[in-house]
PDB file of N, CA and C in Angstrom:
ATOM      1  N   MET A   1      55.390  51.146 -60.258  1.00  0.00           N
ATOM      2  CA  MET A   1      54.837  50.505 -61.432  1.00  0.00           C
ATOM      3  C   MET A   1      55.250  51.315 -62.673  1.00  0.00           C
ATOM      4  N   ILE A   2      55.667  50.596 -63.694  1.00  0.00           N
ATOM      5  CA  ILE A   2      56.049  51.221 -64.959  1.00  0.00           C
ATOM      6  C   ILE A   2      54.890  51.073 -65.942  1.00  0.00           C
ATOM      7  N   LEU A   3      54.551  52.170 -66.600  1.00  0.00           N
ATOM      8  CA  LEU A   3      53.442  52.198 -67.549  1.00  0.00           C
ATOM      9  C   LEU A   3      53.949  52.288 -68.983  1.00  0.00           C
ATOM     10  N   THR A   4      53.153  51.812 -69.910  1.00  0.00           N
ATOM     11  CA  THR A   4      53.424  52.063 -71.316  1.00  0.00           C
ATOM     12  C   THR A   4      52.867  53.442 -71.641  1.00  0.00           C
ATOM     13  N   MET A   5      53.227  53.963 -72.795  1.00  0.00           N
ATOM     14  CA  MET A   5      52.688  55.254 -73.215  1.00  0.00           C
ATOM     15  C   MET A   5      51.168  55.181 -73.322  1.00  0.00           C
ATOM     16  N   LYS A   6      50.665  54.100 -73.858  1.00  0.00           N
ATOM     17  CA  LYS A   6      49.222  53.949 -74.018  1.00  0.00           C
ATOM     18  C   LYS A   6      48.529  53.955 -72.655  1.00  0.00           C
ATOM     19  N   GLN A   7      49.065  53.210 -71.697  1.00  0.00           N
ATOM     20  CA  GLN A   7      48.467  53.162 -70.367  1.00  0.00           C
ATOM     21  C   GLN A   7      48.470  54.541 -69.720  1.00  0.00           C
ATOM     22  N   ALA A   8      49.585  55.258 -69.844  1.00  0.00           N
ATOM     23  CA  ALA A   8      49.686  56.596 -69.255  1.00  0.00           C
ATOM     24  C   ALA A   8      48.680  57.542 -69.912  1.00  0.00           C
ATOM     25  N   ARG A   9      48.559  57.448 -71.226  1.00  0.00           N
ATOM     26  CA  ARG A   9      47.606  58.303 -71.952  1.00  0.00           C
ATOM     27  C   ARG A   9      46.182  58.004 -71.524  1.00  0.00           C
ATOM     28  N   MET A  10      45.866  56.736 -71.409  1.00  0.00           N
ATOM     29  CA  MET A  10      44.502  56.352 -71.030  1.00  0.00           C
ATOM     30  C   MET A  10      44.188  56.763 -69.594  1.00  0.00           C
ATOM     31  N   LEU A  11      45.158  56.647 -68.704  1.00  0.00           N
ATOM     32  CA  LEU A  11      44.947  57.091 -67.319  1.00  0.00           C
ATOM     33  C   LEU A  11      44.697  58.595 -67.252  1.00  0.00           C
ATOM     34  N   ALA A  12      45.282  59.326 -68.184  1.00  0.00           N
ATOM     35  CA  ALA A  12      45.084  60.777 -68.245  1.00  0.00           C
ATOM     36  C   ALA A  12      43.799  61.126 -68.999  1.00  0.00           C
ATOM     37  N   ASP A  13      43.093  60.122 -69.475  1.00  0.00           N
ATOM     38  CA  ASP A  13      41.839  60.296 -70.214  1.00  0.00           C
ATOM     39  C   ASP A  13      42.037  61.182 -71.449  1.00  0.00           C
ATOM     40  N   LYS A  14      43.094  60.881 -72.199  1.00  0.00           N
ATOM     41  CA  LYS A  14      43.407  61.620 -73.423  1.00  0.00           C
ATOM     42  C   LYS A  14      43.317  60.683 -74.623  1.00  0.00           C
ATOM     43  N   LYS A  15      42.977  61.246 -75.758  1.00  0.00           N
ATOM     44  CA  LYS A  15      42.960  60.494 -77.012  1.00  0.00           C
ATOM     45  C   LYS A  15      44.281  60.721 -77.732  1.00  0.00           C
ATOM     46  N   GLN A  16      44.654  59.758 -78.581  1.00  0.00           N
ATOM     47  CA  GLN A  16      45.886  59.891 -79.345  1.00  0.00           C
ATOM     48  C   GLN A  16      45.912  61.206 -80.110  1.00  0.00           C
ATOM     49  N   LYS A  17      44.798  61.550 -80.723  1.00  0.00           N
ATOM     50  CA  LYS A  17      44.716  62.766 -81.531  1.00  0.00           C
ATOM     51  C   LYS A  17      44.991  64.010 -80.680  1.00  0.00           C
ATOM     52  N   GLU A  18      44.484  64.036 -79.446  1.00  0.00           N
ATOM     53  CA  GLU A  18      44.706  65.181 -78.553  1.00  0.00           C
ATOM     54  C   GLU A  18      46.190  65.350 -78.241  1.00  0.00           C
ATOM     55  N   ILE A  19      46.830  64.244 -77.883  1.00  0.00           N
ATOM     56  CA  ILE A  19      48.251  64.284 -77.536  1.00  0.00           C
ATOM     57  C   ILE A  19      49.061  64.732 -78.751  1.00  0.00           C
ATOM     58  N   ALA A  20      48.768  64.151 -79.899  1.00  0.00           N
ATOM     59  CA  ALA A  20      49.497  64.493 -81.120  1.00  0.00           C
ATOM     60  C   ALA A  20      49.373  65.981 -81.437  1.00  0.00           C
ATOM     61  N   GLU A  21      48.171  66.510 -81.307  1.00  0.00           N
ATOM     62  CA  GLU A  21      47.936  67.923 -81.613  1.00  0.00           C
ATOM     63  C   GLU A  21      48.753  68.831 -80.707  1.00  0.00           C
ATOM     64  N   VAL A  22      48.727  68.564 -79.426  1.00  0.00           N
ATOM     65  CA  VAL A  22      49.459  69.401 -78.467  1.00  0.00           C
ATOM     66  C   VAL A  22      50.975  69.279 -78.696  1.00  0.00           C
ATOM     67  N   MET A  23      51.431  68.078 -79.057  1.00  0.00           N
ATOM     68  CA  MET A  23      52.859  67.862 -79.271  1.00  0.00           C
ATOM     69  C   MET A  23      53.317  68.338 -80.648  1.00  0.00           C
ATOM     70  N   GLY A  24      52.370  68.683 -81.508  1.00  0.00           N
ATOM     71  CA  GLY A  24      52.727  69.191 -82.817  1.00  0.00           C
ATOM     72  C   GLY A  24      53.183  68.136 -83.801  1.00  0.00           C
ATOM     73  N   VAL A  25      52.645  66.918 -83.640  1.00  0.00           N
ATOM     74  CA  VAL A  25      52.986  65.833 -84.563  1.00  0.00           C
ATOM     75  C   VAL A  25      51.706  65.279 -85.181  1.00  0.00           C
ATOM     76  N   HIS A  26      51.863  64.574 -86.275  1.00  0.00           N
ATOM     77  CA  HIS A  26      50.720  63.932 -86.924  1.00  0.00           C
ATOM     78  C   HIS A  26      50.223  62.790 -86.029  1.00  0.00           C
ATOM     79  N   PRO A  27      48.909  62.563 -85.969  1.00  0.00           N
ATOM     80  CA  PRO A  27      48.389  61.458 -85.156  1.00  0.00           C
ATOM     81  C   PRO A  27      49.017  60.102 -85.491  1.00  0.00           C
ATOM     82  N   GLN A  28      49.369  59.899 -86.759  1.00  0.00           N
ATOM     83  CA  GLN A  28      50.029  58.638 -87.127  1.00  0.00           C
ATOM     84  C   GLN A  28      51.395  58.523 -86.468  1.00  0.00           C
ATOM     85  N   THR A  29      52.093  59.634 -86.368  1.00  0.00           N
ATOM     86  CA  THR A  29      53.406  59.629 -85.711  1.00  0.00           C
ATOM     87  C   THR A  29      53.247  59.248 -84.254  1.00  0.00           C
ATOM     88  N   TYR A  30      52.268  59.861 -83.592  1.00  0.00           N
ATOM     89  CA  TYR A  30      52.056  59.517 -82.184  1.00  0.00           C
ATOM     90  C   TYR A  30      51.685  58.042 -82.045  1.00  0.00           C
ATOM     91  N   GLY A  31      50.824  57.547 -82.915  1.00  0.00           N
ATOM     92  CA  GLY A  31      50.435  56.137 -82.878  1.00  0.00           C
ATOM     93  C   GLY A  31      51.636  55.213 -83.024  1.00  0.00           C
ATOM     94  N   LYS A  32      52.581  55.603 -83.868  1.00  0.00           N
ATOM     95  CA  LYS A  32      53.804  54.804 -84.041  1.00  0.00           C
ATOM     96  C   LYS A  32      54.628  54.799 -82.765  1.00  0.00           C
ATOM     97  N   TRP A  33      54.652  55.944 -82.051  1.00  0.00           N
ATOM     98  CA  TRP A  33      55.388  55.990 -80.788  1.00  0.00           C
ATOM     99  C   TRP A  33      54.810  55.007 -79.777  1.00  0.00           C
ATOM    100  N   GLU A  34      53.484  54.919 -79.721  1.00  0.00           N
ATOM    101  CA  GLU A  34      52.877  53.986 -78.766  1.00  0.00           C
ATOM    102  C   GLU A  34      53.232  52.542 -79.106  1.00  0.00           C
ATOM    103  N   LYS A  35      53.294  52.248 -80.398  1.00  0.00           N
ATOM    104  CA  LYS A  35      53.609  50.877 -80.824  1.00  0.00           C
ATOM    105  C   LYS A  35      55.098  50.581 -80.762  1.00  0.00           C
ATOM    106  N   ASN A  36      55.917  51.593 -80.981  1.00  0.00           N
ATOM    107  CA  ASN A  36      57.367  51.416 -81.002  1.00  0.00           C
ATOM    108  C   ASN A  36      58.028  52.603 -80.313  1.00  0.00           C
ATOM    109  N   PRO A  37      58.110  52.583 -78.974  1.00  0.00           N
ATOM    110  CA  PRO A  37      58.642  53.729 -78.241  1.00  0.00           C
ATOM    111  C   PRO A  37      60.113  54.023 -78.518  1.00  0.00           C
ATOM    112  N   ASP A  38      60.787  53.157 -79.273  1.00  0.00           N
ATOM    113  CA  ASP A  38      62.167  53.455 -79.662  1.00  0.00           C
ATOM    114  C   ASP A  38      62.241  54.697 -80.545  1.00  0.00           C
ATOM    115  N   LEU A  39      61.126  55.091 -81.147  1.00  0.00           N
ATOM    116  CA  LEU A  39      61.116  56.203 -82.096  1.00  0.00           C
ATOM    117  C   LEU A  39      61.050  57.579 -81.446  1.00  0.00           C
ATOM    118  N   ILE A  40      60.714  57.650 -80.171  1.00  0.00           N
ATOM    119  CA  ILE A  40      60.538  58.937 -79.500  1.00  0.00           C
ATOM    120  C   ILE A  40      61.866  59.427 -78.912  1.00  0.00           C
ATOM    121  N   THR A  41      62.094  60.734 -78.981  1.00  0.00           N
ATOM    122  CA  THR A  41      63.313  61.302 -78.398  1.00  0.00           C
ATOM    123  C   THR A  41      63.067  61.635 -76.920  1.00  0.00           C
ATOM    124  N   ILE A  42      64.122  61.923 -76.217  1.00  0.00           N
ATOM    125  CA  ILE A  42      63.980  62.285 -74.801  1.00  0.00           C
ATOM    126  C   ILE A  42      63.120  63.537 -74.654  1.00  0.00           C
ATOM    127  N   GLY A  43      63.359  64.524 -75.480  1.00  0.00           N
ATOM    128  CA  GLY A  43      62.575  65.760 -75.407  1.00  0.00           C
ATOM    129  C   GLY A  43      61.095  65.501 -75.617  1.00  0.00           C
ATOM    130  N   GLU A  44      60.781  64.694 -76.611  1.00  0.00           N
ATOM    131  CA  GLU A  44      59.382  64.347 -76.876  1.00  0.00           C
ATOM    132  C   GLU A  44      58.798  63.529 -75.730  1.00  0.00           C
ATOM    133  N   ALA A  45      59.602  62.616 -75.190  1.00  0.00           N
ATOM    134  CA  ALA A  45      59.141  61.789 -74.077  1.00  0.00           C
ATOM    135  C   ALA A  45      58.834  62.640 -72.847  1.00  0.00           C
ATOM    136  N   LYS A  46      59.681  63.608 -72.577  1.00  0.00           N
ATOM    137  CA  LYS A  46      59.447  64.489 -71.427  1.00  0.00           C
ATOM    138  C   LYS A  46      58.204  65.347 -71.640  1.00  0.00           C
ATOM    139  N   GLN A  47      58.016  65.817 -72.863  1.00  0.00           N
ATOM    140  CA  GLN A  47      56.809  66.595 -73.173  1.00  0.00           C
ATOM    141  C   GLN A  47      55.567  65.726 -72.967  1.00  0.00           C
ATOM    142  N   PHE A  48      55.631  64.487 -73.424  1.00  0.00           N
ATOM    143  CA  PHE A  48      54.514  63.556 -73.246  1.00  0.00           C
ATOM    144  C   PHE A  48      54.212  63.378 -71.761  1.00  0.00           C
ATOM    145  N   CYS A  49      55.239  63.200 -70.951  1.00  0.00           N
ATOM    146  CA  CYS A  49      55.046  63.011 -69.508  1.00  0.00           C
ATOM    147  C   CYS A  49      54.332  64.193 -68.877  1.00  0.00           C
ATOM    148  N   GLU A  50      54.705  65.391 -69.286  1.00  0.00           N
ATOM    149  CA  GLU A  50      54.044  66.592 -68.768  1.00  0.00           C
ATOM    150  C   GLU A  50      52.569  66.600 -69.154  1.00  0.00           C
ATOM    151  N   LEU A  51      52.272  66.193 -70.380  1.00  0.00           N
ATOM    152  CA  LEU A  51      50.881  66.207 -70.851  1.00  0.00           C
ATOM    153  C   LEU A  51      49.998  65.213 -70.115  1.00  0.00           C
ATOM    154  N   VAL A  52      50.564  64.067 -69.751  1.00  0.00           N
ATOM    155  CA  VAL A  52      49.749  63.044 -69.087  1.00  0.00           C
ATOM    156  C   VAL A  52      49.910  63.065 -67.571  1.00  0.00           C
ATOM    157  N   GLY A  53      50.813  63.907 -67.070  1.00  0.00           N
ATOM    158  CA  GLY A  53      50.981  64.051 -65.623  1.00  0.00           C
ATOM    159  C   GLY A  53      51.608  62.857 -64.942  1.00  0.00           C
ATOM    160  N   VAL A  54      52.571  62.227 -65.622  1.00  0.00           N
ATOM    161  CA  VAL A  54      53.254  61.059 -65.060  1.00  0.00           C
ATOM    162  C   VAL A  54      54.758  61.318 -65.101  1.00  0.00           C
ATOM    163  N   ASP A  55      55.463  60.932 -64.047  1.00  0.00           N
ATOM    164  CA  ASP A  55      56.914  61.113 -63.997  1.00  0.00           C
ATOM    165  C   ASP A  55      57.592  60.345 -65.123  1.00  0.00           C
ATOM    166  N   PHE A  56      58.639  60.943 -65.658  1.00  0.00           N
ATOM    167  CA  PHE A  56      59.411  60.342 -66.747  1.00  0.00           C
ATOM    168  C   PHE A  56      59.875  58.925 -66.398  1.00  0.00           C
ATOM    169  N   GLU A  57      60.300  58.741 -65.154  1.00  0.00           N
ATOM    170  CA  GLU A  57      60.827  57.447 -64.708  1.00  0.00           C
ATOM    171  C   GLU A  57      59.738  56.377 -64.607  1.00  0.00           C
ATOM    172  N   SER A  58      58.477  56.777 -64.653  1.00  0.00           N
ATOM    173  CA  SER A  58      57.367  55.839 -64.482  1.00  0.00           C
ATOM    174  C   SER A  58      56.813  55.299 -65.795  1.00  0.00           C
ATOM    175  N   ILE A  59      57.397  55.736 -66.923  1.00  0.00           N
ATOM    176  CA  ILE A  59      56.898  55.281 -68.223  1.00  0.00           C
ATOM    177  C   ILE A  59      58.008  54.564 -68.970  1.00  0.00           C
ATOM    178  N   PHE A  60      57.676  53.415 -69.528  1.00  0.00           N
ATOM    179  CA  PHE A  60      58.621  52.664 -70.342  1.00  0.00           C
ATOM    180  C   PHE A  60      58.621  53.253 -71.742  1.00  0.00           C
ATOM    181  N   PHE A  61      59.740  53.840 -72.118  1.00  0.00           N
ATOM    182  CA  PHE A  61      59.870  54.375 -73.473  1.00  0.00           C
ATOM    183  C   PHE A  61      60.741  53.461 -74.319  1.00  0.00           C
ATOM    184  N   SER A  62      61.889  53.066 -73.785  1.00  0.00           N
ATOM    185  CA  SER A  62      62.839  52.307 -74.578  1.00  0.00           C
ATOM    186  C   SER A  62      64.060  52.008 -73.739  1.00  0.00           C
ATOM    187  N   SER A  63      65.003  51.340 -74.360  1.00  0.00           N
ATOM    188  CA  SER A  63      66.277  51.128 -73.680  1.00  0.00           C
ATOM    189  C   SER A  63      67.011  52.457 -73.616  1.00  0.00           C
ATOM    190  N   GLU A  64      67.883  52.627 -72.646  1.00  0.00           N
ATOM    191  CA  GLU A  64      68.606  53.884 -72.480  1.00  0.00           C
ATOM    192  C   GLU A  64      69.398  54.245 -73.726  1.00  0.00           C
ATOM    193  N   SER A  65      69.950  53.266 -74.409  1.00  0.00           N
ATOM    194  CA  SER A  65      70.764  53.559 -75.571  1.00  0.00           C
ATOM    195  C   SER A  65      69.966  54.246 -76.675  1.00  0.00           C
ATOM    196  N   ASN A  66      68.692  53.940 -76.790  1.00  0.00           N
ATOM    197  CA  ASN A  66      67.862  54.563 -77.817  1.00  0.00           C
ATOM    198  C   ASN A  66      67.293  55.893 -77.369  1.00  0.00           C
ATOM    199  N   LEU A  67      67.197  56.120 -76.082  1.00  0.00           N
ATOM    200  CA  LEU A  67      66.614  57.360 -75.598  1.00  0.00           C
ATOM    201  C   LEU A  67      67.588  58.536 -75.625  1.00  0.00           C
ATOM    202  N   ILE A  68      68.864  58.293 -75.827  1.00  0.00           N
ATOM    203  CA  ILE A  68      69.803  59.407 -75.771  1.00  0.00           C
ATOM    204  C   ILE A  68      69.829  60.241 -77.045  1.00  0.00           C
ATOM    205  N   ARG A  69      69.240  59.755 -78.096  1.00  0.00           N
ATOM    206  CA  ARG A  69      69.249  60.559 -79.312  1.00  0.00           C
ATOM    207  C   ARG A  69      68.267  61.715 -79.160  1.00  0.00           C
ATOM    208  N   GLN A  70      68.616  62.842 -79.688  1.00  0.00           N
ATOM    209  CA  GLN A  70      67.783  64.028 -79.573  1.00  0.00           C
ATOM    210  C   GLN A  70      67.544  64.615 -80.949  1.00  0.00           C
ATOM    211  N   LYS A  71      66.468  65.349 -81.095  1.00  0.00           N
ATOM    212  CA  LYS A  71      66.204  66.071 -82.349  1.00  0.00           C
ATOM    213  C   LYS A  71      66.810  67.429 -82.244  1.00  0.00           C
TER     214      LYS A  71
END
């Protein structure tokens, strides 16, 4: 089963603000990622997966072409 970022976060019983704080981004930035996962980089996506305890392959972030960009 593939999860959205929101579903994965909720399964981990985390709030948007908690995830944003640990990832070092503004809560609005994290909220934008949930609404438009095209905005997240692979590095950020992997960090998110570690925080919520879900495999990278199990979360829908975006098309592969958009995920290859890195910060």
